Amino acid sequence: MTPYLTAAFYKFVALPDFAQLQAPLLALCQARGVKGTILLASEGINSTVAGPQQGIHAVLAWLRSDHRLADLEHKEAWSDKPPFHRMKVRLKREIVTMGVPGVSPTTGAGTYVKPDAWNALLRDPELVLVDTRNDYEVNIGTFTGAIDPRIKTFAELPQWLDQAKQLQPANGKKPKVAMFCTGGIRCEKSTALLRDRGYEEVYHLEGGILKYLETVAPQDSLWQGECFVFDERVSVGHALVPGQHYLCRACRMPLGDGDMDSPLYEAGVSCPKCHSTTSAARKTGARERQRQWELHKERGATRKPATKENHAE
């Protein structure tokens, strides 16, 4: 059994006192050796954390002791390396930022579709299937037939939904729409937005892509490629086996083998995706951080240099 347990979880639920949860939750995580990110807002909680099994289970038990989070579900994965190197508990306006006031997944989300029923839904010729993730995530894997909005952030999705030709009414009727994302949180909010805008037949994948990859056999799968994840695994495939992508430490974008063979790739400094957008001064600073990290590795240290870490989905 490998030593680091990763737990990903979220829940849309009214937490008017969310700010009061920050300090005790951070203290518990630090005491139990748990690292990662927990986002708290009045609309709920969103998190990916990792640490020793007992520590993760202690944090989950503490959260579930609150009656509002008693049915909090989580996904687990094991790693032989620490996926995160700091612990952050942040207070936010939204646990996933869409920027549309009044949209409530607790009362208005689309119909949940379990992974074992997802394939049948996708075979409906009248269905419009939308990938709600960012473009760099879609680039490394998605479902067959899915529309890619080519958004940079989730906050850009509402404008795309307003303009998408595929979502315009035909003969006075709005189309049937299905949405999906990594773990379920983004498509809960985006389907709630569509419901708020008058779409009646709206569906989303329960548990997200990760639950689908965990439960659907490869030979039955409609998924193509790998799924980007917001931790040091970078990507996963079926059965949540770590994939073949790496992470650029400069821009946090996923890289394939071809990217790392490029003359524009320099470990910890740049890659083909960010080389032209970073200044010489920034590259110099990144080069020094990379040098310090390599020195730490030579001395047997395990702590990585300070870099921008990915947040929970």
Protein backbone atom coordinates (compact mmCIF):
# COMPACT_ATOMS: atom_id res chain seq x y z
CA MET A 1 0.00 0.00 0.00
CA THR A 2 1.43 3.37 -0.98
CA PRO A 3 1.64 6.03 1.74
CA TYR A 4 -0.29 9.04 0.44
CA LEU A 5 -4.07 9.03 0.21
CA THR A 6 -5.71 11.72 -1.93
CA ALA A 7 -9.33 12.66 -1.20
CA ALA A 8 -11.38 14.89 -3.50
CA PHE A 9 -14.78 16.13 -2.37
CA TYR A 10 -17.27 18.94 -2.74
CA LYS A 11 -20.80 19.74 -1.70
CA PHE A 12 -23.17 22.57 -2.50
CA VAL A 13 -24.89 23.38 0.79
CA ALA A 14 -25.76 26.56 2.67
CA LEU A 15 -22.85 27.44 5.00
CA PRO A 16 -23.55 30.97 6.25
CA ASP A 17 -20.90 30.52 8.97
CA PHE A 18 -18.23 29.24 6.57
CA ALA A 19 -15.59 31.72 7.77
CA GLN A 20 -15.75 30.23 11.26
CA LEU A 21 -14.73 26.83 9.88
CA GLN A 22 -11.44 28.06 8.46
CA ALA A 23 -9.19 28.16 11.55
CA PRO A 24 -10.17 24.83 13.17
CA LEU A 25 -10.08 23.03 9.82
CA LEU A 26 -6.61 24.35 9.00
CA ALA A 27 -5.34 23.42 12.47
CA LEU A 28 -6.71 19.89 12.13
CA CYS A 29 -5.13 19.37 8.72
CA GLN A 30 -1.76 20.63 9.89
CA ALA A 31 -1.86 18.45 12.99
CA ARG A 32 -2.70 15.37 10.91
CA GLY A 33 -0.14 15.94 8.15
CA VAL A 34 -2.79 16.68 5.51
CA LYS A 35 -1.92 19.04 2.65
CA GLY A 36 -3.77 20.47 -0.32
CA THR A 37 -6.51 23.05 -0.72
CA ILE A 38 -9.96 23.45 0.84
CA LEU A 39 -12.26 26.17 -0.46
CA LEU A 40 -15.10 27.41 1.75
CA ALA A 41 -17.97 29.67 0.71
CA SER A 42 -21.52 30.37 1.72
CA GLU A 43 -22.60 27.95 -1.05
CA GLY A 44 -20.52 24.99 0.22
CA ILE A 45 -17.11 23.30 0.22
CA ASN A 46 -14.68 22.14 -2.49
CA SER A 47 -11.40 20.36 -1.85
CA THR A 48 -8.60 18.07 -2.87
CA VAL A 49 -6.26 17.05 -0.05
CA ALA A 50 -3.70 14.32 0.52
CA GLY A 51 -1.80 12.80 3.41
CA PRO A 52 -1.61 9.70 5.60
CA GLN A 53 -4.76 7.58 5.55
CA GLN A 54 -5.58 8.21 9.20
CA GLY A 55 -5.13 11.95 8.72
CA ILE A 56 -7.44 12.10 5.70
CA HIS A 57 -10.09 10.03 7.47
CA ALA A 58 -9.84 12.28 10.55
CA VAL A 59 -10.48 15.39 8.42
CA LEU A 60 -13.44 13.74 6.67
CA ALA A 61 -14.87 12.61 10.01
CA TRP A 62 -14.59 16.14 11.40
CA LEU A 63 -16.40 17.59 8.39
CA ARG A 64 -19.15 14.95 8.53
CA SER A 65 -19.72 15.67 12.20
CA ASP A 66 -21.41 18.85 10.94
CA HIS A 67 -24.97 17.78 10.12
CA ARG A 68 -24.91 19.86 6.94
CA LEU A 69 -21.99 17.77 5.64
CA ALA A 70 -23.03 14.42 7.09
CA ASP A 71 -23.56 12.92 3.62
CA LEU A 72 -20.37 14.39 2.13
CA GLU A 73 -19.04 12.01 -0.53
CA HIS A 74 -15.40 11.78 -1.55
CA LYS A 75 -13.16 10.06 -4.10
CA GLU A 76 -9.92 8.35 -3.10
CA ALA A 77 -6.64 7.66 -4.91
CA TRP A 78 -3.23 6.49 -3.70
CA SER A 79 0.17 7.91 -4.60
CA ASP A 80 3.74 7.04 -3.69
CA LYS A 81 4.69 10.75 -3.77
CA PRO A 82 3.09 13.67 -1.89
CA PRO A 83 0.64 15.31 -4.33
CA PHE A 84 0.70 18.64 -2.46
CA HIS A 85 3.30 20.52 -0.44
CA ARG A 86 1.24 23.12 1.42
CA MET A 87 -2.09 23.25 3.22
CA LYS A 88 -4.48 26.09 2.40
CA VAL A 89 -8.01 26.72 3.62
CA ARG A 90 -9.39 29.63 1.64
CA LEU A 91 -12.56 31.68 1.97
CA LYS A 92 -14.24 32.38 -1.36
CA ARG A 93 -17.38 33.94 -2.81
CA GLU A 94 -17.97 30.74 -4.78
CA ILE A 95 -16.48 27.26 -4.41
CA VAL A 96 -16.24 27.18 -8.20
CA THR A 97 -16.19 30.61 -9.82
CA MET A 98 -18.79 31.18 -12.52
CA GLY A 99 -19.72 34.76 -11.66
CA VAL A 100 -23.49 34.53 -12.17
CA PRO A 101 -25.38 35.59 -9.02
CA GLY A 102 -28.40 33.63 -7.90
CA VAL A 103 -27.59 30.29 -9.54
CA SER A 104 -28.09 27.54 -6.95
CA PRO A 105 -27.13 23.91 -7.66
CA THR A 106 -28.78 22.91 -4.38
CA THR A 107 -32.22 23.53 -5.90
CA GLY A 108 -31.75 23.83 -9.65
CA ALA A 109 -29.07 21.45 -10.96
CA GLY A 110 -29.75 19.14 -13.89
CA THR A 111 -30.65 15.46 -13.64
CA TYR A 112 -27.87 13.23 -12.33
CA VAL A 113 -26.84 10.38 -14.63
CA LYS A 114 -24.80 7.57 -13.12
CA PRO A 115 -21.68 6.43 -14.99
CA ASP A 116 -23.20 3.09 -15.97
CA ALA A 117 -26.11 4.91 -17.68
CA TRP A 118 -24.01 7.66 -19.30
CA ASN A 119 -23.21 5.76 -22.50
CA ALA A 120 -26.89 5.19 -23.26
CA LEU A 121 -27.60 8.91 -22.86
CA LEU A 122 -24.73 9.86 -25.16
CA ARG A 123 -26.12 7.66 -27.94
CA ASP A 124 -29.21 9.88 -28.18
CA PRO A 125 -28.85 11.60 -31.60
CA GLU A 126 -30.72 14.69 -30.37
CA LEU A 127 -28.41 15.25 -27.39
CA VAL A 128 -26.03 18.21 -27.23
CA LEU A 129 -23.00 17.14 -25.17
CA VAL A 130 -20.88 19.93 -23.66
CA ASP A 131 -17.48 19.62 -21.98
CA THR A 132 -17.46 22.37 -19.33
CA ARG A 133 -13.73 22.22 -18.62
CA ASN A 134 -10.94 24.57 -19.69
CA ASP A 135 -9.31 24.14 -23.09
CA TYR A 136 -6.03 22.68 -21.78
CA GLU A 137 -8.00 19.98 -19.97
CA VAL A 138 -10.05 19.07 -23.03
CA ASN A 139 -6.91 18.92 -25.16
CA ILE A 140 -5.70 15.74 -23.49
CA GLY A 141 -9.00 13.87 -23.36
CA THR A 142 -12.79 14.10 -23.66
CA PHE A 143 -15.90 12.08 -24.53
CA THR A 144 -16.63 11.10 -28.11
CA GLY A 145 -18.86 13.71 -29.73
CA ALA A 146 -18.46 16.36 -27.02
CA ILE A 147 -18.43 20.07 -27.86
CA ASP A 148 -15.37 21.95 -26.64
CA PRO A 149 -16.24 25.60 -25.81
CA ARG A 150 -12.52 26.51 -25.89
CA ILE A 151 -12.72 28.49 -22.65
CA LYS A 152 -9.73 29.53 -20.56
CA THR A 153 -11.67 29.66 -17.28
CA PHE A 154 -15.03 28.39 -16.07
CA ALA A 155 -16.19 31.99 -15.70
CA GLU A 156 -16.16 32.25 -19.52
CA LEU A 157 -18.71 29.45 -19.91
CA PRO A 158 -21.91 31.51 -19.35
CA GLN A 159 -21.09 33.81 -22.29
CA TRP A 160 -20.35 30.80 -24.51
CA LEU A 161 -23.66 29.21 -23.53
CA ASP A 162 -25.48 32.39 -24.58
CA GLN A 163 -23.82 32.40 -28.00
CA ALA A 164 -23.49 28.69 -28.87
CA LYS A 165 -25.42 27.83 -32.03
CA GLN A 166 -25.85 24.24 -30.86
CA LEU A 167 -27.91 25.45 -27.88
CA GLN A 168 -30.30 27.68 -29.80
CA PRO A 169 -34.00 26.62 -29.88
CA ALA A 170 -35.22 24.65 -32.91
CA ASN A 171 -38.90 24.92 -33.82
CA GLY A 172 -39.42 26.81 -30.58
CA LYS A 173 -37.90 24.09 -28.40
CA LYS A 174 -34.61 24.21 -26.53
CA PRO A 175 -32.38 21.15 -27.08
CA LYS A 176 -31.66 18.33 -24.67
CA VAL A 177 -28.25 19.02 -23.09
CA ALA A 178 -25.76 16.92 -21.13
CA MET A 179 -22.68 18.33 -19.42
CA PHE A 180 -19.65 16.85 -17.71
CA CYS A 181 -16.48 17.89 -15.89
CA THR A 182 -13.69 16.33 -13.86
CA GLY A 183 -15.43 15.59 -10.57
CA GLY A 184 -18.96 16.93 -11.04
CA ILE A 185 -18.82 20.36 -9.43
CA ARG A 186 -18.59 22.54 -12.54
CA CYS A 187 -21.36 20.73 -14.41
CA GLU A 188 -23.66 20.93 -11.37
CA LYS A 189 -23.36 24.70 -11.52
CA SER A 190 -23.54 24.97 -15.31
CA THR A 191 -26.64 22.77 -15.52
CA ALA A 192 -28.24 24.89 -12.82
CA LEU A 193 -27.53 27.91 -15.01
CA LEU A 194 -29.20 26.26 -18.02
CA ARG A 195 -32.21 25.30 -15.94
CA ASP A 196 -32.41 28.91 -14.76
CA ARG A 197 -32.44 29.99 -18.42
CA GLY A 198 -35.35 27.79 -19.35
CA TYR A 199 -33.78 24.54 -20.53
CA GLU A 200 -35.93 21.67 -19.31
CA GLU A 201 -33.96 18.56 -20.35
CA VAL A 202 -30.56 19.02 -18.75
CA TYR A 203 -28.31 16.21 -17.50
CA HIS A 204 -24.88 15.84 -15.97
CA LEU A 205 -22.51 12.98 -15.20
CA GLU A 206 -22.75 12.06 -11.52
CA GLY A 207 -19.29 11.96 -9.97
CA GLY A 208 -17.76 13.43 -13.11
CA ILE A 209 -15.19 11.93 -15.45
CA LEU A 210 -13.23 10.47 -12.55
CA LYS A 211 -16.14 8.32 -11.40
CA TYR A 212 -16.75 7.20 -14.98
CA LEU A 213 -13.11 6.19 -15.46
CA GLU A 214 -13.16 4.42 -12.11
CA THR A 215 -16.26 2.33 -12.80
CA VAL A 216 -16.62 1.84 -16.58
CA ALA A 217 -14.44 -0.82 -18.22
CA PRO A 218 -12.09 0.42 -20.98
CA GLN A 219 -13.72 -1.82 -23.58
CA ASP A 220 -17.11 -0.20 -22.88
CA SER A 221 -15.83 3.34 -22.58
CA LEU A 222 -16.69 6.34 -24.75
CA TRP A 223 -13.85 8.33 -23.22
CA GLN A 224 -10.84 9.17 -25.39
CA GLY A 225 -7.44 10.15 -23.98
CA GLU A 226 -6.62 11.01 -20.38
CA CYS A 227 -8.25 13.21 -17.75
CA PHE A 228 -6.36 16.16 -16.30
CA VAL A 229 -6.37 16.27 -12.50
CA PHE A 230 -5.39 19.09 -10.16
CA ASP A 231 -2.56 17.35 -8.32
CA GLU A 232 0.87 15.90 -8.98
CA ARG A 233 -0.53 12.95 -10.94
CA VAL A 234 -1.32 15.49 -13.71
CA SER A 235 -3.54 13.04 -15.61
CA VAL A 236 -5.26 9.69 -15.11
CA GLY A 237 -6.79 7.02 -17.31
CA HIS A 238 -9.21 4.18 -16.71
CA ALA A 239 -9.21 2.77 -13.18
CA LEU A 240 -7.61 6.15 -12.26
CA VAL A 241 -4.17 4.85 -13.19
CA PRO A 242 -1.74 7.80 -13.49
CA GLY A 243 -1.36 8.91 -17.10
CA GLN A 244 1.51 9.90 -19.35
CA HIS A 245 1.43 13.67 -18.91
CA TYR A 246 3.78 15.88 -16.96
CA LEU A 247 3.40 19.41 -15.59
CA CYS A 248 5.23 22.53 -16.65
CA ARG A 249 6.36 24.12 -13.39
CA ALA A 250 6.29 27.55 -14.97
CA CYS A 251 2.74 27.71 -16.37
CA ARG A 252 1.13 24.61 -14.76
CA MET A 253 -0.01 23.26 -18.13
CA PRO A 254 -0.01 19.52 -18.91
CA LEU A 255 2.78 18.34 -21.20
CA GLY A 256 3.08 15.28 -23.42
CA ASP A 257 6.37 13.65 -24.38
CA GLY A 258 6.59 15.72 -27.56
CA ASP A 259 6.39 18.95 -25.58
CA MET A 260 9.34 17.96 -23.45
CA ASP A 261 11.42 17.20 -26.54
CA SER A 262 10.93 20.76 -27.80
CA PRO A 263 13.91 23.18 -27.68
CA LEU A 264 11.50 25.58 -25.93
CA TYR A 265 11.20 23.22 -22.95
CA GLU A 266 13.45 23.84 -19.96
CA ALA A 267 12.59 22.03 -16.75
CA GLY A 268 11.02 24.43 -14.25
CA VAL A 269 11.48 27.40 -16.59
CA SER A 270 9.40 27.17 -19.76
CA CYS A 271 7.61 24.92 -22.24
CA PRO A 272 6.21 25.37 -25.78
CA LYS A 273 2.96 26.67 -24.25
CA CYS A 274 4.48 29.49 -22.19
CA HIS A 275 7.95 30.21 -23.61
CA SER A 276 6.80 33.17 -25.70
CA THR A 277 4.66 34.71 -22.94
CA THR A 278 7.18 34.84 -20.08
CA SER A 279 9.81 37.54 -19.77
CA ALA A 280 13.54 36.97 -19.54
CA ALA A 281 13.46 38.15 -15.92
CA ARG A 282 10.76 35.64 -15.04
CA LYS A 283 12.71 32.86 -16.73
CA THR A 284 15.81 33.85 -14.77
CA GLY A 285 13.88 33.67 -11.49
CA ALA A 286 12.39 30.31 -12.43
CA ARG A 287 15.82 29.02 -13.40
CA GLU A 288 17.16 29.92 -9.97
CA ARG A 289 14.21 28.20 -8.23
CA GLN A 290 14.85 25.10 -10.32
CA ARG A 291 18.53 25.17 -9.37
CA GLN A 292 17.65 25.42 -5.68
CA TRP A 293 15.23 22.51 -6.00
CA GLU A 294 17.86 20.35 -7.65
CA LEU A 295 20.25 21.18 -4.82
CA HIS A 296 17.59 20.14 -2.30
CA LYS A 297 17.07 16.86 -4.14
CA GLU A 298 20.80 16.15 -4.11
CA ARG A 299 20.81 16.71 -0.35
CA GLY A 300 17.89 14.34 0.12
CA ALA A 301 15.24 16.98 0.81
CA THR A 302 11.67 16.29 -0.25
CA ARG A 303 10.26 19.80 -0.30
CA LYS A 304 9.79 21.27 -3.78
CA PRO A 305 10.39 24.94 -4.59
CA ALA A 306 7.55 27.38 -4.23
CA THR A 307 5.36 27.31 -7.35
CA LYS A 308 1.79 28.16 -8.11
CA GLU A 309 -0.17 25.09 -7.08
CA ASN A 310 -3.38 24.05 -8.76
CA HIS A 311 -6.57 24.59 -6.78
CA ALA A 312 -9.33 22.11 -6.32
CA GLU A 313 -11.61 21.69 -9.35
